[in-house]
Amino acid sequence: MERCECVAEVRRRVEKARRDGFSVALVPTMGYLHEGHLALVREARQRGSFVVMSIFVNPLQFGPNEDYARYPRDLERDAALAAEAGVALLFHPSAEEMYPEPNLTQIEVGKLGKILCGASRPGHFRGAATVVGKLFNIVGPDDAYFGLKDYQQYLIIRQMAHDLNFPVRVIGVPIVREDDGLAKSSRNVFLTPQERAEAVLLNVSLAEAEEEIRQGLRQARKVEEGIRRRLEQTQGRVDYIEVRDASTLAEVEAIEGKVVIALAVYFGSTRLIDNRIIDLDTPAAEA
């Protein structure tokens, strides 16, 4: 695995990979890698791609009272994991390299960025879209891989690529979970033992809600209320629990077709997100 910090060097190395006949895949991350990130690399490797992983804690997507300063960082640990997983090129730029002064241009993402996580984190998706747009221009990937734990982000990036004519296929990869069902996240390290034990109820609540839907419950608000009651057993503070159309994130009253149940819950100062996609046109066993 090669490593670089410079935009110009990334472009030179990617150009050489293309001359050598490789397609190029991008795996954008903020580092502190876990199995969810490595699953994205393996998916790209299965397609025979030259895999570029970026590690950059993007200041634009953190609000003034969020955890940018304490977001976990361990570049050497991450580099070892990336190399073992098969990353060909690791791009770990500085903030100055990514945002040379003055930086006056950002990507607005419209209504998709103002709901769910966007409602409680104003500007977050503008920052995420801006850095991903820059990475698309720097790397020029054929494919870009995103974990579906950040389902709203995946839809926003896919829409951005379509609207702005980026010639890249945006590929979502299913959530990777701990043995007890908690979605893997770099922020899990901030949980106390009690919070970690209680956080398991996020996935449990989603699974029970899916079972109720498949048994015939169709009122979206009742599904949300049921999840909220389950989570009242914990010390968690609910940010949102919502049933939305899985393709557009539009609000739904009656559940039909394909929906996503999305939630965000604070355990202490740690904000965790999770979701479950339910397609009523697909039997549960096949899903």
Protein backbone atom coordinates (compact mmCIF):
# COMPACT_ATOMS: atom_id res chain seq x y z
CA MET A 1 0.00 0.00 0.00
CA GLU A 2 1.19 3.47 -0.88
CA ARG A 3 0.45 6.50 1.27
CA CYS A 4 0.27 10.16 0.38
CA GLU A 5 -0.92 13.49 1.74
CA CYS A 6 -0.87 15.56 -1.45
CA VAL A 7 -3.72 16.01 -3.96
CA ALA A 8 -1.35 16.17 -6.92
CA GLU A 9 0.33 12.92 -5.90
CA VAL A 10 -3.01 11.12 -5.59
CA ARG A 11 -3.86 12.15 -9.12
CA ARG A 12 -0.51 10.92 -10.46
CA ARG A 13 -0.86 7.54 -8.80
CA VAL A 14 -4.47 7.05 -9.88
CA GLU A 15 -3.56 7.98 -13.44
CA LYS A 16 -0.86 5.29 -13.42
CA ALA A 17 -3.35 2.71 -12.11
CA ARG A 18 -5.69 3.54 -14.98
CA ARG A 19 -2.84 3.18 -17.48
CA ASP A 20 -2.21 -0.24 -15.95
CA GLY A 21 -5.81 -1.22 -16.72
CA PHE A 22 -7.46 -0.89 -13.32
CA SER A 23 -10.82 0.60 -12.52
CA VAL A 24 -10.66 2.91 -9.50
CA ALA A 25 -12.72 2.62 -6.33
CA LEU A 26 -12.96 5.22 -3.57
CA VAL A 27 -13.69 4.43 0.08
CA PRO A 28 -14.07 7.77 1.92
CA THR A 29 -13.62 7.57 5.71
CA MET A 30 -12.84 9.71 8.71
CA GLY A 31 -10.55 7.04 10.05
CA TYR A 32 -10.49 5.07 13.29
CA LEU A 33 -11.33 2.13 11.08
CA HIS A 34 -13.57 -0.76 12.08
CA GLU A 35 -15.05 -3.77 10.33
CA GLY A 36 -17.70 -1.62 8.64
CA HIS A 37 -15.02 0.34 6.78
CA LEU A 38 -13.10 -2.80 5.89
CA ALA A 39 -16.26 -4.35 4.43
CA LEU A 40 -16.34 -1.47 1.93
CA VAL A 41 -12.76 -2.27 0.90
CA ARG A 42 -13.53 -5.97 0.46
CA GLU A 43 -16.56 -5.15 -1.69
CA ALA A 44 -14.40 -2.97 -3.92
CA ARG A 45 -11.65 -5.58 -4.07
CA GLN A 46 -14.11 -8.21 -5.25
CA ARG A 47 -14.61 -6.07 -8.35
CA GLY A 48 -10.86 -6.03 -9.01
CA SER A 49 -10.53 -2.31 -8.42
CA PHE A 50 -7.54 -0.18 -7.46
CA VAL A 51 -8.83 0.90 -4.05
CA VAL A 52 -8.18 4.41 -2.79
CA MET A 53 -9.13 5.00 0.84
CA SER A 54 -9.26 8.52 2.21
CA ILE A 55 -8.85 9.25 5.90
CA PHE A 56 -9.84 12.79 6.74
CA VAL A 57 -11.74 14.11 9.75
CA ASN A 58 -13.69 16.74 7.88
CA PRO A 59 -14.19 19.91 9.94
CA LEU A 60 -16.98 21.18 7.67
CA GLN A 61 -19.41 18.48 8.81
CA PHE A 62 -19.06 19.17 12.54
CA GLY A 63 -21.11 21.82 14.29
CA PRO A 64 -19.56 24.23 16.82
CA ASN A 65 -20.61 22.11 19.83
CA GLU A 66 -19.88 18.69 18.31
CA ASP A 67 -17.00 16.29 18.81
CA TYR A 68 -14.53 17.31 16.08
CA ALA A 69 -11.65 17.83 18.51
CA ARG A 70 -12.14 14.52 20.30
CA TYR A 71 -13.13 12.41 17.31
CA PRO A 72 -10.88 9.30 17.61
CA ARG A 73 -7.74 9.37 15.48
CA ASP A 74 -4.99 6.77 15.07
CA LEU A 75 -3.42 7.01 11.63
CA GLU A 76 -0.79 4.30 12.06
CA ARG A 77 -3.35 1.80 13.34
CA ASP A 78 -5.63 2.70 10.44
CA ALA A 79 -2.84 2.36 7.89
CA ALA A 80 -2.05 -1.15 9.10
CA LEU A 81 -5.71 -2.20 8.86
CA ALA A 82 -6.11 -0.61 5.43
CA ALA A 83 -3.02 -2.35 4.06
CA GLU A 84 -4.18 -5.71 5.42
CA ALA A 85 -7.61 -5.23 3.83
CA GLY A 86 -6.08 -4.57 0.41
CA VAL A 87 -6.17 -0.78 0.02
CA ALA A 88 -3.78 0.23 -2.76
CA LEU A 89 -3.49 3.93 -1.94
CA LEU A 90 -4.16 5.66 1.38
CA PHE A 91 -4.83 9.39 1.09
CA HIS A 92 -4.59 11.20 4.43
CA PRO A 93 -4.46 14.94 3.72
CA SER A 94 -4.23 17.79 6.19
CA ALA A 95 -7.08 20.27 6.56
CA GLU A 96 -4.87 22.83 4.81
CA GLU A 97 -4.41 20.49 1.83
CA MET A 98 -8.14 19.88 1.49
CA TYR A 99 -9.26 23.45 2.18
CA PRO A 100 -6.62 25.93 1.07
CA GLU A 101 -7.54 29.49 1.96
CA PRO A 102 -9.81 31.04 0.99
CA ASN A 103 -12.44 28.28 0.75
CA LEU A 104 -15.64 30.02 -0.34
CA THR A 105 -17.52 27.26 -2.16
CA GLN A 106 -19.62 24.48 -0.63
CA ILE A 107 -22.23 22.08 -2.01
CA GLU A 108 -25.82 22.66 -0.91
CA VAL A 109 -27.89 19.47 -0.81
CA GLY A 110 -31.42 20.83 -0.56
CA LYS A 111 -34.32 19.29 1.31
CA LEU A 112 -32.67 15.90 1.83
CA GLY A 113 -30.12 17.61 4.06
CA LYS A 114 -32.65 19.36 6.29
CA ILE A 115 -34.49 16.37 7.78
CA LEU A 116 -33.53 13.59 10.21
CA CYS A 117 -29.84 14.09 11.04
CA GLY A 118 -29.85 17.32 9.06
CA ALA A 119 -32.52 18.84 11.32
CA SER A 120 -30.43 18.39 14.45
CA ARG A 121 -27.04 18.95 12.78
CA PRO A 122 -27.50 22.01 10.53
CA GLY A 123 -24.85 22.18 7.83
CA HIS A 124 -23.63 18.64 8.45
CA PHE A 125 -24.61 17.30 5.05
CA ARG A 126 -23.40 20.40 3.27
CA GLY A 127 -19.98 19.67 4.78
CA ALA A 128 -20.17 15.97 3.95
CA ALA A 129 -21.25 16.61 0.35
CA THR A 130 -18.53 19.22 -0.12
CA VAL A 131 -15.71 16.94 1.00
CA VAL A 132 -17.04 13.98 -0.99
CA GLY A 133 -17.41 16.17 -4.07
CA LYS A 134 -13.78 17.24 -3.65
CA LEU A 135 -12.70 13.61 -3.27
CA PHE A 136 -14.62 12.68 -6.43
CA ASN A 137 -12.73 15.39 -8.29
CA ILE A 138 -9.36 14.48 -6.76
CA VAL A 139 -9.58 10.70 -7.21
CA GLY A 140 -11.94 10.46 -10.18
CA PRO A 141 -13.30 7.05 -9.10
CA ASP A 142 -15.47 4.74 -11.17
CA ASP A 143 -17.18 3.54 -7.98
CA ALA A 144 -17.49 4.97 -4.47
CA TYR A 145 -18.51 2.87 -1.48
CA PHE A 146 -20.58 4.03 1.49
CA GLY A 147 -21.91 2.14 4.49
CA LEU A 148 -25.68 2.07 4.80
CA LYS A 149 -25.55 2.84 8.51
CA ASP A 150 -25.36 6.45 7.31
CA TYR A 151 -28.34 5.84 5.05
CA GLN A 152 -29.33 9.49 4.69
CA GLN A 153 -25.77 10.39 3.70
CA TYR A 154 -25.75 7.58 1.12
CA LEU A 155 -28.92 8.90 -0.51
CA ILE A 156 -27.62 12.48 -0.47
CA ILE A 157 -24.29 11.52 -2.08
CA ARG A 158 -26.05 9.41 -4.68
CA GLN A 159 -28.35 12.32 -5.52
CA MET A 160 -25.41 14.73 -5.63
CA ALA A 161 -23.54 12.50 -8.06
CA HIS A 162 -26.62 12.35 -10.29
CA ASP A 163 -27.44 16.06 -10.13
CA LEU A 164 -23.86 17.27 -10.69
CA ASN A 165 -23.01 14.66 -13.34
CA PHE A 166 -20.17 13.04 -11.46
CA PRO A 167 -19.27 9.95 -13.53
CA VAL A 168 -19.20 7.70 -10.47
CA ARG A 169 -21.41 4.86 -9.32
CA VAL A 170 -22.35 5.28 -5.64
CA ILE A 171 -22.62 1.86 -4.00
CA GLY A 172 -24.18 1.21 -0.58
CA VAL A 173 -22.88 -1.64 1.55
CA PRO A 174 -25.00 -3.19 4.34
CA ILE A 175 -24.46 -2.33 8.00
CA VAL A 176 -21.82 -4.37 9.82
CA ARG A 177 -22.74 -5.13 13.42
CA GLU A 178 -21.11 -6.32 16.60
CA ASP A 179 -21.96 -9.84 17.76
CA ASP A 180 -24.75 -8.42 19.95
CA GLY A 181 -26.22 -6.37 17.09
CA LEU A 182 -24.90 -2.87 17.82
CA ALA A 183 -23.95 -1.16 14.56
CA LYS A 184 -20.19 -0.71 14.34
CA SER A 185 -19.17 2.93 14.72
CA SER A 186 -15.98 4.80 15.49
CA ARG A 187 -17.91 6.60 18.23
CA ASN A 188 -18.70 3.37 20.12
CA VAL A 189 -15.39 3.79 21.96
CA PHE A 190 -16.90 6.76 23.83
CA LEU A 191 -19.64 4.65 25.44
CA THR A 192 -19.40 3.71 29.11
CA PRO A 193 -19.97 0.00 29.91
CA GLN A 194 -23.57 0.74 30.93
CA GLU A 195 -24.21 2.84 27.83
CA ARG A 196 -22.66 0.16 25.64
CA ALA A 197 -24.96 -2.47 27.14
CA GLU A 198 -28.04 -0.30 26.68
CA ALA A 199 -27.15 0.72 23.12
CA VAL A 200 -27.89 -2.84 21.99
CA LEU A 201 -31.58 -1.93 22.31
CA LEU A 202 -31.32 0.23 19.19
CA ASN A 203 -31.04 -2.80 16.93
CA VAL A 204 -33.36 -4.88 19.10
CA SER A 205 -36.06 -2.21 18.83
CA LEU A 206 -35.64 -2.01 15.05
CA ALA A 207 -35.89 -5.80 14.72
CA GLU A 208 -39.04 -5.90 16.84
CA ALA A 209 -40.56 -3.07 14.81
CA GLU A 210 -39.88 -4.94 11.58
CA GLU A 211 -41.57 -8.02 13.02
CA GLU A 212 -44.65 -5.96 13.92
CA ILE A 213 -44.77 -4.47 10.42
CA ARG A 214 -44.48 -7.86 8.77
CA GLN A 215 -47.28 -9.11 11.00
CA GLY A 216 -49.55 -6.34 9.71
CA LEU A 217 -48.90 -3.09 11.59
CA ARG A 218 -49.06 -0.34 8.97
CA GLN A 219 -49.39 2.94 10.91
CA ALA A 220 -45.99 4.64 10.82
CA ARG A 221 -46.62 6.71 13.96
CA LYS A 222 -47.51 3.60 15.97
CA VAL A 223 -44.27 1.95 14.86
CA GLU A 224 -42.33 5.00 16.00
CA GLU A 225 -44.16 5.10 19.33
CA GLY A 226 -43.38 1.43 19.94
CA ILE A 227 -39.67 1.97 19.40
CA ARG A 228 -39.73 5.02 21.65
CA ARG A 229 -41.36 3.01 24.47
CA ARG A 230 -38.68 0.32 24.18
CA LEU A 231 -35.89 2.87 24.32
CA GLU A 232 -37.40 4.44 27.45
CA GLN A 233 -35.93 1.40 29.24
CA THR A 234 -32.48 2.96 28.69
CA GLN A 235 -30.77 6.17 29.76
CA GLY A 236 -30.62 7.17 26.10
CA ARG A 237 -32.02 10.51 24.91
CA VAL A 238 -33.90 10.18 21.62
CA ASP A 239 -33.05 12.67 18.90
CA TYR A 240 -35.47 11.21 16.38
CA ILE A 241 -37.27 8.00 15.43
CA GLU A 242 -38.95 8.17 12.03
CA VAL A 243 -40.40 5.91 9.37
CA ARG A 244 -39.66 7.30 5.91
CA ASP A 245 -39.89 6.26 2.28
CA ALA A 246 -36.66 4.39 1.57
CA SER A 247 -36.08 5.99 -1.83
CA THR A 248 -36.94 9.64 -1.16
CA LEU A 249 -37.02 9.97 2.66
CA ALA A 250 -40.49 11.45 2.28
CA GLU A 251 -42.76 11.16 5.31
CA VAL A 252 -45.21 8.27 5.27
CA GLU A 253 -48.40 7.65 7.21
CA ALA A 254 -49.29 4.18 5.93
CA ILE A 255 -46.41 1.75 5.51
CA GLU A 256 -46.25 0.09 2.11
CA GLY A 257 -43.57 -0.91 -0.37
CA LYS A 258 -40.06 -0.07 0.85
CA VAL A 259 -39.46 2.06 3.93
CA VAL A 260 -36.59 2.86 6.24
CA ILE A 261 -36.89 3.20 10.00
CA ALA A 262 -34.18 5.64 11.03
CA LEU A 263 -33.22 6.71 14.51
CA ALA A 264 -30.64 8.72 16.40
CA VAL A 265 -30.12 8.44 20.15
CA TYR A 266 -27.69 10.09 22.56
CA PHE A 267 -26.03 7.95 25.19
CA GLY A 268 -24.35 10.52 27.37
CA SER A 269 -22.67 12.85 24.88
CA THR A 270 -22.32 10.13 22.24
CA ARG A 271 -24.81 10.24 19.40
CA LEU A 272 -25.51 6.90 17.71
CA ILE A 273 -27.53 6.32 14.57
CA ASP A 274 -29.04 3.13 13.19
CA ASN A 275 -31.70 2.12 10.69
CA ARG A 276 -33.53 -0.79 9.18
CA ILE A 277 -34.76 -0.98 5.58
CA ILE A 278 -37.96 -2.95 5.20
CA ASP A 279 -39.27 -3.98 1.79
CA LEU A 280 -42.76 -5.40 2.10
CA ASP A 281 -42.50 -6.70 -1.45
CA THR A 282 -39.64 -8.95 -0.32
CA PRO A 283 -40.22 -11.79 2.17
CA ALA A 284 -38.34 -11.38 5.45
CA ALA A 285 -36.17 -14.46 4.87
CA GLU A 286 -34.96 -13.14 1.49
CA ALA A 287 -34.41 -9.62 2.85
